[in-house]
Amino acid sequence: MGVGVMVDLKVEDIASSIKRMNNEDRETLLLLLSGEGKEIAKRMKEIKSKKVKTLTRQETFKDVI
C-alpha cells in the first residue's frame, strides 16, 4: 500500500531558495540534478574504503609547466 502526498510549490519560491544557498550547496544540488552525484558518491566510497588511491598534488600536476 502506498501513500501519496501532493505539494504545491511556486517556481519563484524554489528559485529564491536556490539563490540563498552557498556555493557549495549549489554545486551539490547541480551534481544531484545532473545525475553525477551517484558517480561521485561511489568514487568517494571507493577512496574511503582504500579500493583506489588518489593522486597527490605533485602527481596530478607532474609535467605541467
N, C-alpha and C. Protein backbone atom coordinates (compact mmCIF):
# COMPACT_ATOMS: atom_id res chain seq x y z
N MET A 1 0.84 -1.17 0.00
CA MET A 1 0.00 0.00 0.00
C MET A 1 0.88 1.24 0.00
N GLY A 2 0.60 2.18 -0.86
CA GLY A 2 1.39 3.39 -0.95
C GLY A 2 0.63 4.59 -0.43
N VAL A 3 1.38 5.58 -0.08
CA VAL A 3 0.80 6.83 0.40
C VAL A 3 1.26 7.94 -0.52
N GLY A 4 0.33 8.76 -0.98
CA GLY A 4 0.67 9.85 -1.87
C GLY A 4 0.59 11.18 -1.14
N VAL A 5 1.46 12.08 -1.51
CA VAL A 5 1.47 13.41 -0.93
C VAL A 5 1.54 14.42 -2.07
N MET A 6 0.73 15.44 -1.99
CA MET A 6 0.77 16.47 -3.01
C MET A 6 1.31 17.75 -2.37
N VAL A 7 2.30 18.35 -3.02
CA VAL A 7 2.91 19.57 -2.52
C VAL A 7 2.77 20.64 -3.58
N ASP A 8 2.33 21.81 -3.17
CA ASP A 8 2.16 22.93 -4.09
C ASP A 8 3.32 23.90 -3.88
N LEU A 9 4.23 23.96 -4.84
CA LEU A 9 5.39 24.85 -4.75
C LEU A 9 5.40 25.81 -5.92
N LYS A 10 5.75 27.04 -5.65
CA LYS A 10 5.90 28.02 -6.71
C LYS A 10 7.34 28.01 -7.19
N VAL A 11 7.52 28.15 -8.49
CA VAL A 11 8.86 28.19 -9.07
C VAL A 11 9.66 29.34 -8.45
N GLU A 12 8.99 30.45 -8.20
CA GLU A 12 9.67 31.61 -7.60
C GLU A 12 10.23 31.27 -6.22
N ASP A 13 9.48 30.48 -5.44
CA ASP A 13 9.95 30.09 -4.11
C ASP A 13 11.17 29.18 -4.20
N ILE A 14 11.15 28.27 -5.16
CA ILE A 14 12.29 27.38 -5.36
C ILE A 14 13.51 28.18 -5.79
N ALA A 15 13.32 29.10 -6.72
CA ALA A 15 14.42 29.94 -7.20
C ALA A 15 14.98 30.78 -6.07
N SER A 16 14.12 31.31 -5.23
CA SER A 16 14.57 32.11 -4.10
C SER A 16 15.41 31.27 -3.13
N SER A 17 14.98 30.05 -2.89
CA SER A 17 15.73 29.15 -2.00
C SER A 17 17.11 28.84 -2.58
N ILE A 18 17.17 28.62 -3.87
CA ILE A 18 18.45 28.31 -4.53
C ILE A 18 19.37 29.53 -4.46
N LYS A 19 18.83 30.72 -4.64
CA LYS A 19 19.64 31.93 -4.57
C LYS A 19 20.27 32.12 -3.19
N ARG A 20 19.56 31.68 -2.16
CA ARG A 20 20.08 31.84 -0.79
C ARG A 20 21.13 30.78 -0.42
N MET A 21 21.27 29.75 -1.23
CA MET A 21 22.26 28.69 -0.94
C MET A 21 23.67 29.22 -1.12
N ASN A 22 24.60 28.64 -0.35
CA ASN A 22 26.01 28.98 -0.58
C ASN A 22 26.51 28.20 -1.78
N ASN A 23 27.69 28.54 -2.27
CA ASN A 23 28.22 27.93 -3.49
C ASN A 23 28.36 26.41 -3.37
N GLU A 24 28.80 25.95 -2.21
CA GLU A 24 28.99 24.50 -2.03
C GLU A 24 27.66 23.77 -2.15
N ASP A 25 26.61 24.31 -1.54
CA ASP A 25 25.29 23.69 -1.63
C ASP A 25 24.75 23.73 -3.06
N ARG A 26 25.03 24.81 -3.78
CA ARG A 26 24.60 24.89 -5.19
C ARG A 26 25.31 23.84 -6.04
N GLU A 27 26.60 23.65 -5.78
CA GLU A 27 27.35 22.63 -6.52
C GLU A 27 26.80 21.24 -6.23
N THR A 28 26.46 20.99 -4.97
CA THR A 28 25.88 19.70 -4.59
C THR A 28 24.54 19.50 -5.29
N LEU A 29 23.71 20.53 -5.31
CA LEU A 29 22.42 20.46 -6.00
C LEU A 29 22.62 20.16 -7.48
N LEU A 30 23.57 20.84 -8.10
CA LEU A 30 23.84 20.60 -9.51
C LEU A 30 24.25 19.16 -9.78
N LEU A 31 25.10 18.62 -8.91
CA LEU A 31 25.52 17.22 -9.08
C LEU A 31 24.33 16.28 -8.93
N LEU A 32 23.48 16.54 -7.96
CA LEU A 32 22.32 15.67 -7.76
C LEU A 32 21.36 15.74 -8.95
N LEU A 33 21.14 16.93 -9.46
CA LEU A 33 20.22 17.10 -10.59
C LEU A 33 20.79 16.56 -11.89
N SER A 34 22.11 16.59 -12.03
CA SER A 34 22.73 16.14 -13.28
C SER A 34 22.92 14.63 -13.33
N GLY A 35 22.73 13.96 -12.21
CA GLY A 35 22.94 12.51 -12.18
C GLY A 35 24.36 12.12 -11.86
N GLU A 36 25.27 13.08 -11.77
CA GLU A 36 26.66 12.78 -11.47
C GLU A 36 26.87 12.53 -9.97
N GLY A 37 25.90 12.87 -9.17
CA GLY A 37 26.02 12.70 -7.72
C GLY A 37 26.26 11.26 -7.32
N LYS A 38 25.57 10.33 -7.98
CA LYS A 38 25.73 8.91 -7.66
C LYS A 38 27.15 8.45 -7.99
N GLU A 39 27.66 8.89 -9.12
CA GLU A 39 29.02 8.51 -9.53
C GLU A 39 30.05 9.05 -8.54
N ILE A 40 29.89 10.29 -8.13
CA ILE A 40 30.83 10.89 -7.18
C ILE A 40 30.74 10.20 -5.83
N ALA A 41 29.53 9.89 -5.39
CA ALA A 41 29.36 9.18 -4.12
C ALA A 41 30.03 7.81 -4.17
N LYS A 42 29.91 7.13 -5.31
CA LYS A 42 30.56 5.83 -5.49
C LYS A 42 32.08 5.97 -5.41
N ARG A 43 32.61 7.00 -6.06
CA ARG A 43 34.07 7.22 -6.03
C ARG A 43 34.56 7.56 -4.64
N MET A 44 33.79 8.37 -3.91
CA MET A 44 34.18 8.72 -2.54
C MET A 44 34.21 7.47 -1.66
N LYS A 45 33.22 6.59 -1.85
CA LYS A 45 33.17 5.34 -1.09
C LYS A 45 34.41 4.48 -1.40
N GLU A 46 34.80 4.43 -2.66
CA GLU A 46 35.99 3.67 -3.06
C GLU A 46 37.25 4.25 -2.43
N ILE A 47 37.33 5.56 -2.37
CA ILE A 47 38.50 6.21 -1.77
C ILE A 47 38.56 5.92 -0.27
N LYS A 48 37.42 6.07 0.40
CA LYS A 48 37.38 5.85 1.85
C LYS A 48 37.67 4.41 2.21
N SER A 49 37.25 3.47 1.35
CA SER A 49 37.49 2.06 1.62
C SER A 49 38.87 1.61 1.15
N LYS A 50 39.64 2.55 0.60
CA LYS A 50 41.01 2.30 0.13
C LYS A 50 41.06 1.34 -1.06
N LYS A 51 39.95 1.24 -1.82
CA LYS A 51 39.95 0.42 -3.02
C LYS A 51 40.76 1.08 -4.13
N VAL A 52 40.79 2.41 -4.09
CA VAL A 52 41.58 3.16 -5.06
C VAL A 52 42.46 4.15 -4.31
N LYS A 53 43.55 4.56 -4.96
CA LYS A 53 44.47 5.52 -4.36
C LYS A 53 44.35 6.82 -5.14
N THR A 54 44.18 7.91 -4.42
CA THR A 54 44.11 9.20 -5.08
C THR A 54 45.51 9.70 -5.41
N LEU A 55 45.59 10.55 -6.40
CA LEU A 55 46.87 11.15 -6.77
C LEU A 55 47.21 12.30 -5.83
N THR A 56 48.48 12.48 -5.57
CA THR A 56 48.92 13.63 -4.79
C THR A 56 48.89 14.85 -5.70
N ARG A 57 49.01 16.03 -5.12
CA ARG A 57 49.05 17.26 -5.91
C ARG A 57 50.22 17.22 -6.88
N GLN A 58 51.37 16.72 -6.41
CA GLN A 58 52.55 16.63 -7.27
C GLN A 58 52.31 15.68 -8.44
N GLU A 59 51.68 14.54 -8.17
CA GLU A 59 51.40 13.58 -9.25
C GLU A 59 50.39 14.16 -10.25
N THR A 60 49.43 14.90 -9.74
CA THR A 60 48.40 15.46 -10.61
C THR A 60 48.99 16.48 -11.58
N PHE A 61 49.88 17.32 -11.08
CA PHE A 61 50.42 18.39 -11.91
C PHE A 61 51.83 18.10 -12.44
N LYS A 62 52.23 16.85 -12.41
CA LYS A 62 53.53 16.46 -12.95
C LYS A 62 53.58 16.81 -14.44
N ASP A 63 54.69 17.34 -14.87
CA ASP A 63 54.93 17.71 -16.27
C ASP A 63 54.03 18.87 -16.77
N VAL A 64 53.44 19.59 -15.85
CA VAL A 64 52.65 20.77 -16.24
C VAL A 64 53.49 21.99 -15.89
N ILE A 65 53.83 22.71 -16.88
CA ILE A 65 54.69 23.90 -16.78
C ILE A 65 55.51 23.86 -15.56
